[in-house]
Amino acid sequence: SRPILDMSYSRHFLDFQGSSIPSSMKKLVVTKLSQNFREAVTLQQDSPVPLPGDGDLLVRNRFVGINASDINYSAGRYDASVKPPFDIGFEGVGDVVALGLSASADYTVGQAVAYVKAGSFAEYTVVPARQAVPLPSVKPEFLTLMVSGATAYLSLKELGDLSEGKKVLVTAAAGGTGQFAVQLAKKAKCHVIGTCSSDEKGGFLKSIGCDRTINYNTENVESVLRKDYPEGVDVVYESVGGKMFDLALNALAIKGCLIVIGFIAGYQNPTGLQPIKAELLPAKLLKKSASVRGFFLNHYLSDYKMALLHLFKMYERGDLVCEVDFGDMSPEGKFTGLESVFRAVDYMYMGKNIGKIVVELPHSVNSKL
C-alpha cells in the first residue's frame, strides 16, 4: 500500500509553486564499470520519478556537487558487490517537493535541504528525512560544505592536532576540499603552504590566507620545501598521491603527520594507484617519529552533523569562504543540466577548477514539466 504523502494526498502532485511533478525525469546511471567516466555513465532521459516512502523526502535537485571520487564510484572501486546499473552522484541541494507522513513531522513542501546520498545526479532524488540537512535557502555554497568542507574539518580536527605556529602543507590547495583545509588551518593560527597549478589559483589561495603558495608548474615543490622549510612541515593534508605524496612525506618534520584524504592522480588509471616509494616508508617514519594517517569521511559519520553545524555557522558569520566553480571559464561555458556533469568531471581532472565544482539543474518552475 502506498503511504500517504504530505498529509494531503492531492498536494503530493503539486510542488510549492504550482508546477506538476512529472512522472519521468533525467538521471545519470552507471551502466558499465570503468575509470573512464564517459564510458561508465549513461544519461537516461525517461526514468520514473521515485516516490518517497513514509520517512522520506522527494527533493528536486537544484545544485549537485562533483567529487573526484565520482570516478572511483563509477569504476566500482568502493563496493565490488554493487553491479551496474546503479545511480551516481553523492550530494545535492534542492527543494522538498513531496514527502511521507512521518517525514512531514519535521519537513514541509518547499523547504530547502542538502544531503549526502548516492543518486544525486538526477532531477529528483528520494532522501531519508533523517539524512537531510535543513537549509535557510537553496545556495550552492552550502553544497561545498557537505563533503569537501566536512572532510577538511573532521580530518584536521581528529588527526591534525593543529596548534598555533605549526606548519601545514595542503596539496591541491585551491580545489574543493583544499580551500577549506587552508582556511581551517589559518583559523588555528598555523603557517599554511599550498600547492597549486597556476598563478590564478595562487592568487585565490593568498586571498583566503595562504602564507606561501607553490605553483608546481613554475616552481620545484621539493626545492622550495627544502629551502624555505628546512625543519620540515608538521602536518600535510594530501589528496594528490603519486609523486606529490613522496615529496610531502620527505618534507615531514619530526613527529609530523601526513593525512591522506585521496590520491586523485591515480583515480583515472586502470590500476587505480600511482606507485609511491613505499619500500622506504618504515625507515622514513621511524627516523622522524612521523605518521601517515588515512581519512575516509564515512568512518566519522557520528561527528558529521556537529561538523556541518559548525561549518554552516562559520559561513553565515562570514568567517569561511565557500568558493564555487560553475565552469564559467571552461571552453563550453557554465555547467548547466545533467548533460554537463561529464564536462564537469573532465574539468576537474584537467585541474582547472578553483573551489568546488557545482552543476546547476535549472527547472522551468511554472511549466507542466
Foldseek 3Di string as FASTA:
>chain_A
DAFQKQVDNVQLQAFPVGAGDDQFWWFKWQADAALQVVVGIDIDGGHGQDDEGQQKFKWQFFKAFDDLCQSVVSNCNPPVVDDDGDAAGFKTKGFGGMHHNVNSVPDHGGWIWIFTDGHNRIRIDIDRSVRIGTDPDGDCLLRLCQPQVLQLVVCCVPPVPAAAAAEEEEELLQESNNVNNLLVSVVRNYQYEYEAADVVLVVVSVVSPHNHYHNVVVDPPLVCLCVVPVQAGAEYADAAADPVVQSNLQRHHQQHEYEYAHHSVQSNPPVRHHDDPCVCVVVSCVVRVYYYHYDDVVVVVVCSVVSSVVVVVCVVVVSGDQDECQQCVPPVGGQEHSVSSSVQNVCVSVRNDRHIYMHGYDDPNHHND
